[in-house]
Amino acid sequence: MTDITLADIEAAAGRLKGHAVETPLIESPALNERAGLRVLIKPEMFQRVGAFKFRGAFNRLVQLRDDERRRGVVAFSSGNHAQGVALAARLLGLPAVIVMPSDAPAMKVEATRGYGAEVILYDRLNESREAIADRISQERGSVVVPSFDDPHIVAGQGTIGLELVRQAEALGAKLDVVVTGISGGGLLSGIATAVKALSPSTAIVGVEPAGFDDALQSLQAGEIVVQKRTGRCLCDALESAAVGHITFPILQRTVADVAVVTDAEVTEAMRYAFKTLKLIVEPGGAVSLAALLSGKLKTFGGTTVALVLSGGNVDPELYAQVLRGEL
């Protein structure tokens, strides 16, 4: 399977039933008034491990053969995919090794170890996490679980779109725009596949951090653009250097626009989420809200917008700095 269909996503939803949380679709009158729109929020910080990544990880691992389960899995991630794979592996009773950058948020590293995974740290600017994972795979026979460029991962993330459309229908809302962040494109391509199948007129919008807009550049160029990383951004979860070979064609078919937000706009969104929505959102999870609040979100004349807030695993000290207005 290289392309992903609605049937694949519905099958993933069946596998996730009883294991993943069906996160709610919530609404804030205060946000509606500020935006001048009806804004529906899909809070994936309520998902297991505090982020959407559990969906794709479990859908991938639950389909492993018995011999693959015995050999275990290896994954690489700055945090949320790491936790998703670690928890899915624990639930399914198989060993997991996670390759994480040495500067990953301590909270995410500790949580990954807490789920029972072996964590191997690396220098993200001077070492290749893919090479390290490949070496471990060869030495131990472990199955490599990519963070986004895998059809089973994409289908698992697509269950968000499946839930979102059906929950909006239950509220009597017609979705004009669905918005979420982009890293490697697994989340957005999965959601877009489900939403476009069920609601073809809905516009799909992605959001990236300034200076890390490789998806936008790729869509503009008509081919995958790989950005060389020389520094960091606040949105550690969105620092992938390029979209995937599986995700990019889906993004080309489905994405209407990509907004680019600054760190200042992201921190403002995080403060708004805390003060007004009473939600704790990590930087990468706040970009869709940042695009809306900053006026950078194109609505294509629509009046009902759905925002996916993809996770809430934020380092406590960083979060305190954000709330104090120091970042």
C-alpha atoms as a PDB file:
ATOM      1  CA  MET A   1       0.000   0.000   0.000  1.00  0.00           C
ATOM      2  CA  THR A   2       1.528   3.306  -1.080  1.00  0.00           C
ATOM      3  CA  ASP A   3      -1.592   5.369  -1.651  1.00  0.00           C
ATOM      4  CA  ILE A   4      -4.051   5.832   1.195  1.00  0.00           C
ATOM      5  CA  THR A   5      -7.823   5.610   0.816  1.00  0.00           C
ATOM      6  CA  LEU A   6     -10.827   6.263   3.010  1.00  0.00           C
ATOM      7  CA  ALA A   7     -11.175   2.493   3.404  1.00  0.00           C
ATOM      8  CA  ASP A   8      -7.637   2.305   4.819  1.00  0.00           C
ATOM      9  CA  ILE A   9      -8.474   5.017   7.338  1.00  0.00           C
ATOM     10  CA  GLU A  10     -11.735   3.341   8.336  1.00  0.00           C
ATOM     11  CA  ALA A  11      -9.836   0.074   8.828  1.00  0.00           C
ATOM     12  CA  ALA A  12      -7.332   1.945  11.012  1.00  0.00           C
ATOM     13  CA  ALA A  13     -10.212   3.353  13.054  1.00  0.00           C
ATOM     14  CA  GLY A  14     -11.405  -0.199  13.645  1.00  0.00           C
ATOM     15  CA  ARG A  15      -7.962  -1.255  14.897  1.00  0.00           C
ATOM     16  CA  LEU A  16      -7.727   1.794  17.168  1.00  0.00           C
ATOM     17  CA  LYS A  17     -11.173   1.309  18.697  1.00  0.00           C
ATOM     18  CA  GLY A  18     -10.790   0.651  22.403  1.00  0.00           C
ATOM     19  CA  HIS A  19      -7.110   1.655  22.337  1.00  0.00           C
ATOM     20  CA  ALA A  20      -7.043   5.293  21.164  1.00  0.00           C
ATOM     21  CA  VAL A  21      -9.157   8.132  22.511  1.00  0.00           C
ATOM     22  CA  GLU A  22     -11.799   9.604  20.229  1.00  0.00           C
ATOM     23  CA  THR A  23     -10.941  13.202  21.029  1.00  0.00           C
ATOM     24  CA  PRO A  24     -13.863  15.646  21.181  1.00  0.00           C
ATOM     25  CA  LEU A  25     -14.661  18.547  18.891  1.00  0.00           C
ATOM     26  CA  ILE A  26     -15.049  21.648  21.047  1.00  0.00           C
ATOM     27  CA  GLU A  27     -16.073  25.244  20.534  1.00  0.00           C
ATOM     28  CA  SER A  28     -15.340  28.516  22.327  1.00  0.00           C
ATOM     29  CA  PRO A  29     -17.767  31.448  22.026  1.00  0.00           C
ATOM     30  CA  ALA A  30     -14.884  33.792  22.897  1.00  0.00           C
ATOM     31  CA  LEU A  31     -12.735  32.465  20.042  1.00  0.00           C
ATOM     32  CA  ASN A  32     -15.676  32.579  17.641  1.00  0.00           C
ATOM     33  CA  GLU A  33     -16.241  36.220  18.523  1.00  0.00           C
ATOM     34  CA  ARG A  34     -12.577  37.137  18.135  1.00  0.00           C
ATOM     35  CA  ALA A  35     -12.210  35.334  14.816  1.00  0.00           C
ATOM     36  CA  GLY A  36     -15.573  36.345  13.393  1.00  0.00           C
ATOM     37  CA  LEU A  37     -16.004  32.698  12.413  1.00  0.00           C
ATOM     38  CA  ARG A  38     -17.340  29.477  13.816  1.00  0.00           C
ATOM     39  CA  VAL A  39     -14.196  27.721  15.038  1.00  0.00           C
ATOM     40  CA  LEU A  40     -14.228  24.033  15.951  1.00  0.00           C
ATOM     41  CA  ILE A  41     -11.219  22.666  17.826  1.00  0.00           C
ATOM     42  CA  LYS A  42      -9.922  19.086  17.732  1.00  0.00           C
ATOM     43  CA  PRO A  43      -7.735  18.847  20.891  1.00  0.00           C
ATOM     44  CA  GLU A  44      -5.291  16.001  20.293  1.00  0.00           C
ATOM     45  CA  MET A  45      -3.511  16.748  23.567  1.00  0.00           C
ATOM     46  CA  PHE A  46      -6.320  14.608  25.002  1.00  0.00           C
ATOM     47  CA  GLN A  47      -5.036  11.621  23.003  1.00  0.00           C
ATOM     48  CA  ARG A  48      -2.908   8.949  24.660  1.00  0.00           C
ATOM     49  CA  VAL A  49       0.702  10.173  25.093  1.00  0.00           C
ATOM     50  CA  GLY A  50      -0.656  13.715  24.819  1.00  0.00           C
ATOM     51  CA  ALA A  51      -0.469  13.913  21.028  1.00  0.00           C
ATOM     52  CA  PHE A  52      -1.950  12.503  17.825  1.00  0.00           C
ATOM     53  CA  LYS A  53       1.069  10.274  17.160  1.00  0.00           C
ATOM     54  CA  PHE A  54      -0.316   7.319  19.090  1.00  0.00           C
ATOM     55  CA  ARG A  55      -2.891   6.766  16.346  1.00  0.00           C
ATOM     56  CA  GLY A  56      -0.413   6.091  13.565  1.00  0.00           C
ATOM     57  CA  ALA A  57       2.040   4.226  15.765  1.00  0.00           C
ATOM     58  CA  PHE A  58      -0.537   1.751  17.049  1.00  0.00           C
ATOM     59  CA  ASN A  59      -2.013   1.219  13.581  1.00  0.00           C
ATOM     60  CA  ARG A  60       1.470   0.370  12.276  1.00  0.00           C
ATOM     61  CA  LEU A  61       2.579  -1.884  15.134  1.00  0.00           C
ATOM     62  CA  VAL A  62      -0.647  -3.841  15.496  1.00  0.00           C
ATOM     63  CA  GLN A  63      -0.198  -5.082  11.914  1.00  0.00           C
ATOM     64  CA  LEU A  64       3.287  -6.536  12.462  1.00  0.00           C
ATOM     65  CA  ARG A  65       3.736 -10.266  11.914  1.00  0.00           C
ATOM     66  CA  ASP A  66       4.550 -12.494  14.891  1.00  0.00           C
ATOM     67  CA  ASP A  67       8.209 -12.837  13.869  1.00  0.00           C
ATOM     68  CA  GLU A  68       8.493  -9.033  13.507  1.00  0.00           C
ATOM     69  CA  ARG A  69       6.967  -8.517  16.938  1.00  0.00           C
ATOM     70  CA  ARG A  70       9.563 -10.791  18.504  1.00  0.00           C
ATOM     71  CA  ARG A  71      12.390  -8.741  16.953  1.00  0.00           C
ATOM     72  CA  GLY A  72      10.799  -5.459  18.052  1.00  0.00           C
ATOM     73  CA  VAL A  73      10.787  -1.997  16.523  1.00  0.00           C
ATOM     74  CA  VAL A  74      13.078   1.005  16.218  1.00  0.00           C
ATOM     75  CA  ALA A  75      11.889   4.565  15.605  1.00  0.00           C
ATOM     76  CA  PHE A  76      13.402   8.048  15.550  1.00  0.00           C
ATOM     77  CA  SER A  77      11.652  11.139  16.850  1.00  0.00           C
ATOM     78  CA  SER A  78      12.079  14.331  18.838  1.00  0.00           C
ATOM     79  CA  GLY A  79       9.300  13.258  21.137  1.00  0.00           C
ATOM     80  CA  ASN A  80       5.683  12.623  20.212  1.00  0.00           C
ATOM     81  CA  HIS A  81       6.218   9.790  17.721  1.00  0.00           C
ATOM     82  CA  ALA A  82       8.734   8.382  20.201  1.00  0.00           C
ATOM     83  CA  GLN A  83       6.092   8.250  22.899  1.00  0.00           C
ATOM     84  CA  GLY A  84       3.447   6.910  20.539  1.00  0.00           C
ATOM     85  CA  VAL A  85       5.650   4.020  19.408  1.00  0.00           C
ATOM     86  CA  ALA A  86       6.843   3.317  22.949  1.00  0.00           C
ATOM     87  CA  LEU A  87       3.298   3.074  24.320  1.00  0.00           C
ATOM     88  CA  ALA A  88       1.990   1.069  21.360  1.00  0.00           C
ATOM     89  CA  ALA A  89       4.919  -1.364  21.769  1.00  0.00           C
ATOM     90  CA  ARG A  90       4.204  -1.741  25.478  1.00  0.00           C
ATOM     91  CA  LEU A  91       0.511  -2.413  24.863  1.00  0.00           C
ATOM     92  CA  LEU A  92       1.373  -5.030  22.238  1.00  0.00           C
ATOM     93  CA  GLY A  93       4.159  -6.595  24.292  1.00  0.00           C
ATOM     94  CA  LEU A  94       7.100  -5.988  21.991  1.00  0.00           C
ATOM     95  CA  PRO A  95      10.502  -4.316  22.528  1.00  0.00           C
ATOM     96  CA  ALA A  96      11.115  -0.788  21.242  1.00  0.00           C
ATOM     97  CA  VAL A  97      14.253   1.296  20.716  1.00  0.00           C
ATOM     98  CA  ILE A  98      13.794   5.028  20.145  1.00  0.00           C
ATOM     99  CA  VAL A  99      16.491   7.282  18.673  1.00  0.00           C
ATOM    100  CA  MET A 100      15.995  10.790  20.070  1.00  0.00           C
ATOM    101  CA  PRO A 101      17.991  14.038  19.720  1.00  0.00           C
ATOM    102  CA  SER A 102      20.051  14.913  22.773  1.00  0.00           C
ATOM    103  CA  ASP A 103      18.336  18.311  22.909  1.00  0.00           C
ATOM    104  CA  ALA A 104      14.804  16.900  22.827  1.00  0.00           C
ATOM    105  CA  PRO A 105      12.564  18.216  25.620  1.00  0.00           C
ATOM    106  CA  ALA A 106      13.455  16.311  28.779  1.00  0.00           C
ATOM    107  CA  MET A 107       9.774  15.704  29.451  1.00  0.00           C
ATOM    108  CA  LYS A 108       9.441  13.798  26.162  1.00  0.00           C
ATOM    109  CA  VAL A 109      12.585  11.725  26.742  1.00  0.00           C
ATOM    110  CA  GLU A 110      11.470  10.809  30.261  1.00  0.00           C
ATOM    111  CA  ALA A 111       7.974   9.899  29.072  1.00  0.00           C
ATOM    112  CA  THR A 112       9.375   7.680  26.308  1.00  0.00           C
ATOM    113  CA  ARG A 113      11.544   5.807  28.806  1.00  0.00           C
ATOM    114  CA  GLY A 114       8.555   5.648  31.138  1.00  0.00           C
ATOM    115  CA  TYR A 115       6.620   3.665  28.535  1.00  0.00           C
ATOM    116  CA  GLY A 116       9.388   1.074  28.632  1.00  0.00           C
ATOM    117  CA  ALA A 117      11.383   1.918  25.506  1.00  0.00           C
ATOM    118  CA  GLU A 118      15.163   1.969  25.257  1.00  0.00           C
ATOM    119  CA  VAL A 119      16.238   5.523  24.322  1.00  0.00           C
ATOM    120  CA  ILE A 120      19.407   6.238  22.345  1.00  0.00           C
ATOM    121  CA  LEU A 121      20.378   9.921  22.143  1.00  0.00           C
ATOM    122  CA  TYR A 122      22.158  11.554  19.176  1.00  0.00           C
ATOM    123  CA  ASP A 123      23.396  14.977  18.018  1.00  0.00           C
ATOM    124  CA  ARG A 124      20.759  16.236  15.567  1.00  0.00           C
ATOM    125  CA  LEU A 125      23.133  18.666  13.831  1.00  0.00           C
ATOM    126  CA  ASN A 126      26.029  16.248  13.295  1.00  0.00           C
ATOM    127  CA  GLU A 127      24.540  12.750  13.216  1.00  0.00           C
ATOM    128  CA  SER A 128      21.883  11.054  11.102  1.00  0.00           C
ATOM    129  CA  ARG A 129      19.023   9.562  13.063  1.00  0.00           C
ATOM    130  CA  GLU A 130      18.038   7.503  10.026  1.00  0.00           C
ATOM    131  CA  ALA A 131      21.547   5.973   9.844  1.00  0.00           C
ATOM    132  CA  ILE A 132      21.496   5.153  13.558  1.00  0.00           C
ATOM    133  CA  ALA A 133      18.065   3.510  13.272  1.00  0.00           C
ATOM    134  CA  ASP A 134      19.151   1.535  10.208  1.00  0.00           C
ATOM    135  CA  ARG A 135      22.215   0.242  12.069  1.00  0.00           C
ATOM    136  CA  ILE A 136      20.084  -0.860  15.013  1.00  0.00           C
ATOM    137  CA  SER A 137      17.638  -2.512  12.618  1.00  0.00           C
ATOM    138  CA  GLN A 138      20.432  -4.469  10.948  1.00  0.00           C
ATOM    139  CA  GLU A 139      22.024  -5.484  14.244  1.00  0.00           C
ATOM    140  CA  ARG A 140      18.824  -6.555  16.000  1.00  0.00           C
ATOM    141  CA  GLY A 141      16.447  -7.288  13.148  1.00  0.00           C
ATOM    142  CA  SER A 142      14.112  -4.562  14.413  1.00  0.00           C
ATOM    143  CA  VAL A 143      11.405  -3.129  12.169  1.00  0.00           C
ATOM    144  CA  VAL A 144      11.947   0.573  11.450  1.00  0.00           C
ATOM    145  CA  VAL A 145       8.798   2.604  12.165  1.00  0.00           C
ATOM    146  CA  PRO A 146       8.984   5.938  10.317  1.00  0.00           C
ATOM    147  CA  SER A 147       7.384   8.982  11.902  1.00  0.00           C
ATOM    148  CA  PHE A 148       5.364   9.951   8.829  1.00  0.00           C
ATOM    149  CA  ASP A 149       6.356   8.382   5.493  1.00  0.00           C
ATOM    150  CA  ASP A 150       4.515   5.095   5.947  1.00  0.00           C
ATOM    151  CA  PRO A 151       1.003   4.339   4.654  1.00  0.00           C
ATOM    152  CA  HIS A 152      -0.104   2.697   7.911  1.00  0.00           C
ATOM    153  CA  ILE A 153       1.111   5.705   9.895  1.00  0.00           C
ATOM    154  CA  VAL A 154      -0.729   8.078   7.553  1.00  0.00           C
ATOM    155  CA  ALA A 155      -3.923   6.013   7.752  1.00  0.00           C
ATOM    156  CA  GLY A 156      -3.772   6.055  11.544  1.00  0.00           C
ATOM    157  CA  GLN A 157      -3.393   9.836  11.639  1.00  0.00           C
ATOM    158  CA  GLY A 158      -6.248  10.075   9.146  1.00  0.00           C
ATOM    159  CA  THR A 159      -8.657   8.815  11.791  1.00  0.00           C
ATOM    160  CA  ILE A 160      -8.604  12.374  13.143  1.00  0.00           C
ATOM    161  CA  GLY A 161     -10.190  13.573   9.902  1.00  0.00           C
ATOM    162  CA  LEU A 162     -12.727  10.759  10.032  1.00  0.00           C
ATOM    163  CA  GLU A 163     -13.796  11.743  13.546  1.00  0.00           C
ATOM    164  CA  LEU A 164     -13.703  15.445  12.760  1.00  0.00           C
ATOM    165  CA  VAL A 165     -16.106  15.292   9.808  1.00  0.00           C
ATOM    166  CA  ARG A 166     -18.590  13.074  11.610  1.00  0.00           C
ATOM    167  CA  GLN A 167     -18.453  15.154  14.800  1.00  0.00           C
ATOM    168  CA  ALA A 168     -18.992  18.353  12.799  1.00  0.00           C
ATOM    169  CA  GLU A 169     -22.019  16.793  11.115  1.00  0.00           C
ATOM    170  CA  ALA A 170     -23.420  15.913  14.538  1.00  0.00           C
ATOM    171  CA  LEU A 171     -23.078  19.595  15.468  1.00  0.00           C
ATOM    172  CA  GLY A 172     -24.842  20.663  12.287  1.00  0.00           C
ATOM    173  CA  ALA A 173     -21.662  22.315  10.998  1.00  0.00           C
ATOM    174  CA  LYS A 174     -20.490  22.321   7.395  1.00  0.00           C
ATOM    175  CA  LEU A 175     -16.697  22.381   7.378  1.00  0.00           C
ATOM    176  CA  ASP A 176     -15.343  25.076   5.100  1.00  0.00           C
ATOM    177  CA  VAL A 177     -11.683  24.805   6.137  1.00  0.00           C
ATOM    178  CA  VAL A 178      -9.632  22.263   8.115  1.00  0.00           C
ATOM    179  CA  VAL A 179      -6.251  23.413   9.420  1.00  0.00           C
ATOM    180  CA  THR A 180      -3.285  21.617  10.960  1.00  0.00           C
ATOM    181  CA  GLY A 181       0.490  21.813  11.154  1.00  0.00           C
ATOM    182  CA  ILE A 182       2.947  20.205   8.748  1.00  0.00           C
ATOM    183  CA  SER A 183       6.192  18.453   9.549  1.00  0.00           C
ATOM    184  CA  GLY A 184       6.733  15.435   7.326  1.00  0.00           C
ATOM    185  CA  GLY A 185       3.124  15.579   6.189  1.00  0.00           C
ATOM    186  CA  GLY A 186       1.763  12.420   7.809  1.00  0.00           C
ATOM    187  CA  LEU A 187      -0.848  14.191   9.905  1.00  0.00           C
ATOM    188  CA  LEU A 188      -2.003  16.581   7.208  1.00  0.00           C
ATOM    189  CA  SER A 189      -2.073  14.007   4.408  1.00  0.00           C
ATOM    190  CA  GLY A 190      -4.015  11.539   6.532  1.00  0.00           C
ATOM    191  CA  ILE A 191      -6.557  14.128   7.644  1.00  0.00           C
ATOM    192  CA  ALA A 192      -6.841  15.526   4.106  1.00  0.00           C
ATOM    193  CA  THR A 193      -7.531  12.075   2.663  1.00  0.00           C
ATOM    194  CA  ALA A 194     -10.398  11.458   5.078  1.00  0.00           C
ATOM    195  CA  VAL A 195     -11.866  14.949   4.910  1.00  0.00           C
ATOM    196  CA  LYS A 196     -11.749  15.225   1.122  1.00  0.00           C
ATOM    197  CA  ALA A 197     -13.407  11.802   0.758  1.00  0.00           C
ATOM    198  CA  LEU A 198     -16.254  12.741   3.081  1.00  0.00           C
ATOM    199  CA  SER A 199     -16.514  16.482   2.384  1.00  0.00           C
ATOM    200  CA  PRO A 200     -14.939  17.305  -1.020  1.00  0.00           C
ATOM    201  CA  SER A 201     -15.715  21.032  -0.821  1.00  0.00           C
ATOM    202  CA  THR A 202     -13.733  21.508   2.412  1.00  0.00           C
ATOM    203  CA  ALA A 203     -10.452  23.381   1.917  1.00  0.00           C
ATOM    204  CA  ILE A 204      -7.343  21.886   3.521  1.00  0.00           C
ATOM    205  CA  VAL A 205      -4.749  24.303   4.919  1.00  0.00           C
ATOM    206  CA  GLY A 206      -1.361  23.449   6.408  1.00  0.00           C
ATOM    207  CA  VAL A 207       0.778  25.587   8.706  1.00  0.00           C
ATOM    208  CA  GLU A 208       4.573  25.657   9.101  1.00  0.00           C
ATOM    209  CA  PRO A 209       7.018  27.609  11.278  1.00  0.00           C
ATOM    210  CA  ALA A 210       8.950  30.454   9.628  1.00  0.00           C
ATOM    211  CA  GLY A 211      12.316  29.232   8.369  1.00  0.00           C
ATOM    212  CA  PHE A 212      11.079  25.631   8.327  1.00  0.00           C
ATOM    213  CA  ASP A 213       8.626  25.900   5.448  1.00  0.00           C
ATOM    214  CA  ASP A 214       9.911  23.024   3.314  1.00  0.00           C
ATOM    215  CA  ALA A 215       6.374  21.787   2.553  1.00  0.00           C
ATOM    216  CA  LEU A 216       5.381  25.181   1.156  1.00  0.00           C
ATOM    217  CA  GLN A 217       8.570  25.340  -0.894  1.00  0.00           C
ATOM    218  CA  SER A 218       7.978  21.806  -2.172  1.00  0.00           C
ATOM    219  CA  LEU A 219       4.405  22.559  -3.214  1.00  0.00           C
ATOM    220  CA  GLN A 220       5.540  25.724  -4.988  1.00  0.00           C
ATOM    221  CA  ALA A 221       8.389  23.898  -6.763  1.00  0.00           C
ATOM    222  CA  GLY A 222       6.318  20.851  -7.697  1.00  0.00           C
ATOM    223  CA  GLU A 223       8.951  18.550  -6.184  1.00  0.00           C
ATOM    224  CA  ILE A 224      10.257  17.694  -2.734  1.00  0.00           C
ATOM    225  CA  VAL A 225      12.596  20.392  -1.420  1.00  0.00           C
ATOM    226  CA  VAL A 226      14.993  19.352   1.345  1.00  0.00           C
ATOM    227  CA  GLN A 227      16.008  22.157   3.689  1.00  0.00           C
ATOM    228  CA  LYS A 228      19.394  21.973   5.378  1.00  0.00           C
ATOM    229  CA  ARG A 229      18.916  22.558   9.082  1.00  0.00           C
ATOM    230  CA  THR A 230      21.462  24.900  10.644  1.00  0.00           C
ATOM    231  CA  GLY A 231      19.485  25.931  13.696  1.00  0.00           C
ATOM    232  CA  ARG A 232      16.380  25.276  15.745  1.00  0.00           C
ATOM    233  CA  CYS A 233      12.874  26.671  16.006  1.00  0.00           C
ATOM    234  CA  LEU A 234      10.418  26.819  18.864  1.00  0.00           C
ATOM    235  CA  CYS A 235       8.226  24.162  17.225  1.00  0.00           C
ATOM    236  CA  ASP A 236      10.508  21.171  17.838  1.00  0.00           C
ATOM    237  CA  ALA A 237       7.807  18.781  16.597  1.00  0.00           C
ATOM    238  CA  LEU A 238       7.777  20.450  13.150  1.00  0.00           C
ATOM    239  CA  GLU A 239      11.470  20.394  12.293  1.00  0.00           C
ATOM    240  CA  SER A 240      11.483  17.685   9.629  1.00  0.00           C
ATOM    241  CA  ALA A 241      13.777  18.714   6.747  1.00  0.00           C
ATOM    242  CA  ALA A 242      11.357  17.531   4.060  1.00  0.00           C
ATOM    243  CA  VAL A 243       7.959  16.016   3.448  1.00  0.00           C
ATOM    244  CA  GLY A 244       7.793  12.327   2.576  1.00  0.00           C
ATOM    245  CA  HIS A 245       7.587  10.552  -0.763  1.00  0.00           C
ATOM    246  CA  ILE A 246       4.245   9.044   0.269  1.00  0.00           C
ATOM    247  CA  THR A 247       2.831  12.200   1.835  1.00  0.00           C
ATOM    248  CA  PHE A 248       3.897  14.739  -0.810  1.00  0.00           C
ATOM    249  CA  PRO A 249       1.616  13.547  -3.651  1.00  0.00           C
ATOM    250  CA  ILE A 250      -1.329  13.596  -1.251  1.00  0.00           C
ATOM    251  CA  LEU A 251      -0.494  17.140  -0.194  1.00  0.00           C
ATOM    252  CA  GLN A 252      -0.241  18.157  -3.846  1.00  0.00           C
ATOM    253  CA  ARG A 253      -3.743  16.829  -4.523  1.00  0.00           C
ATOM    254  CA  THR A 254      -5.447  18.161  -1.427  1.00  0.00           C
ATOM    255  CA  VAL A 255      -3.813  21.243   0.120  1.00  0.00           C
ATOM    256  CA  ALA A 256      -5.307  24.609  -0.817  1.00  0.00           C
ATOM    257  CA  ASP A 257      -2.818  26.791   1.058  1.00  0.00           C
ATOM    258  CA  VAL A 258       0.071  26.767   3.517  1.00  0.00           C
ATOM    259  CA  ALA A 259       0.408  29.506   6.144  1.00  0.00           C
ATOM    260  CA  VAL A 260       3.756  30.330   7.755  1.00  0.00           C
ATOM    261  CA  VAL A 261       3.821  31.553  11.355  1.00  0.00           C
ATOM    262  CA  THR A 262       6.560  33.083  13.512  1.00  0.00           C
ATOM    263  CA  ASP A 263       7.680  31.991  16.970  1.00  0.00           C
ATOM    264  CA  ALA A 264       6.052  35.137  18.395  1.00  0.00           C
ATOM    265  CA  GLU A 265       2.725  34.193  16.800  1.00  0.00           C
ATOM    266  CA  VAL A 266       3.028  30.656  18.144  1.00  0.00           C
ATOM    267  CA  THR A 267       3.702  31.802  21.716  1.00  0.00           C
ATOM    268  CA  GLU A 268       0.767  34.212  21.528  1.00  0.00           C
ATOM    269  CA  ALA A 269      -1.445  31.295  20.448  1.00  0.00           C
ATOM    270  CA  MET A 270      -0.157  29.167  23.331  1.00  0.00           C
ATOM    271  CA  ARG A 271      -0.994  31.939  25.810  1.00  0.00           C
ATOM    272  CA  TYR A 272      -4.446  32.397  24.264  1.00  0.00           C
ATOM    273  CA  ALA A 273      -5.100  28.649  24.453  1.00  0.00           C
ATOM    274  CA  PHE A 274      -4.165  28.637  28.137  1.00  0.00           C
ATOM    275  CA  LYS A 275      -5.968  31.806  29.197  1.00  0.00           C
ATOM    276  CA  THR A 276      -9.113  31.579  27.080  1.00  0.00           C
ATOM    277  CA  LEU A 277      -9.526  27.980  25.913  1.00  0.00           C
ATOM    278  CA  LYS A 278      -8.027  26.443  29.076  1.00  0.00           C
ATOM    279  CA  LEU A 279      -5.890  24.143  26.937  1.00  0.00           C
ATOM    280  CA  ILE A 280      -2.183  23.367  27.284  1.00  0.00           C
ATOM    281  CA  VAL A 281      -0.725  23.256  23.771  1.00  0.00           C
ATOM    282  CA  GLU A 282       2.881  22.622  22.784  1.00  0.00           C
ATOM    283  CA  PRO A 283       4.448  24.976  20.202  1.00  0.00           C
ATOM    284  CA  GLY A 284       4.082  22.638  17.222  1.00  0.00           C
ATOM    285  CA  GLY A 285       0.517  21.881  18.254  1.00  0.00           C
ATOM    286  CA  ALA A 286      -0.421  25.561  18.359  1.00  0.00           C
ATOM    287  CA  VAL A 287       0.440  26.565  14.790  1.00  0.00           C
ATOM    288  CA  SER A 288      -3.092  26.209  13.425  1.00  0.00           C
ATOM    289  CA  LEU A 289      -4.408  28.502  16.156  1.00  0.00           C
ATOM    290  CA  ALA A 290      -1.483  30.866  15.521  1.00  0.00           C
ATOM    291  CA  ALA A 291      -2.413  31.112  11.845  1.00  0.00           C
ATOM    292  CA  LEU A 292      -5.999  31.990  12.765  1.00  0.00           C
ATOM    293  CA  LEU A 293      -5.167  34.546  15.463  1.00  0.00           C
ATOM    294  CA  SER A 294      -2.474  36.248  13.368  1.00  0.00           C
ATOM    295  CA  GLY A 295      -4.792  36.744  10.407  1.00  0.00           C
ATOM    296  CA  LYS A 296      -2.673  34.527   8.156  1.00  0.00           C
ATOM    297  CA  LEU A 297      -5.316  31.853   7.663  1.00  0.00           C
ATOM    298  CA  LYS A 298      -7.131  31.924   4.316  1.00  0.00           C
ATOM    299  CA  THR A 299     -10.746  30.877   4.750  1.00  0.00           C
ATOM    300  CA  PHE A 300     -11.721  31.062   1.047  1.00  0.00           C
ATOM    301  CA  GLY A 301     -14.925  32.830   1.961  1.00  0.00           C
ATOM    302  CA  GLY A 302     -15.956  30.135   4.415  1.00  0.00           C
ATOM    303  CA  THR A 303     -17.408  30.728   7.867  1.00  0.00           C
ATOM    304  CA  THR A 304     -16.688  27.449   9.678  1.00  0.00           C
ATOM    305  CA  VAL A 305     -13.094  26.462  10.404  1.00  0.00           C
ATOM    306  CA  ALA A 306     -11.740  23.395  12.200  1.00  0.00           C
ATOM    307  CA  LEU A 307      -8.357  23.608  13.902  1.00  0.00           C
ATOM    308  CA  VAL A 308      -6.389  20.521  14.880  1.00  0.00           C
ATOM    309  CA  LEU A 309      -4.271  21.216  17.981  1.00  0.00           C
ATOM    310  CA  SER A 310      -1.914  18.292  17.577  1.00  0.00           C
ATOM    311  CA  GLY A 311      -0.350  17.911  21.030  1.00  0.00           C
ATOM    312  CA  GLY A 312       0.336  19.240  24.492  1.00  0.00           C
ATOM    313  CA  ASN A 313       3.753  17.849  25.419  1.00  0.00           C
ATOM    314  CA  VAL A 314       5.540  21.068  26.264  1.00  0.00           C
ATOM    315  CA  ASP A 315       8.556  21.365  28.541  1.00  0.00           C
ATOM    316  CA  PRO A 316       7.369  22.903  31.850  1.00  0.00           C
ATOM    317  CA  GLU A 317      10.102  25.564  32.025  1.00  0.00           C
ATOM    318  CA  LEU A 318       9.595  26.559  28.390  1.00  0.00           C
ATOM    319  CA  TYR A 319       5.857  26.757  28.998  1.00  0.00           C
ATOM    320  CA  ALA A 320       6.377  28.948  32.052  1.00  0.00           C
ATOM    321  CA  GLN A 321       8.531  31.311  29.957  1.00  0.00           C
ATOM    322  CA  VAL A 322       5.813  31.448  27.307  1.00  0.00           C
ATOM    323  CA  LEU A 323       3.100  32.239  29.841  1.00  0.00           C
ATOM    324  CA  ARG A 324       5.260  34.946  31.416  1.00  0.00           C
ATOM    325  CA  GLY A 325       5.716  36.517  27.984  1.00  0.00           C
ATOM    326  CA  GLU A 326       9.471  35.925  27.974  1.00  0.00           C
ATOM    327  CA  LEU A 327       9.321  34.080  24.636  1.00  0.00           C
END
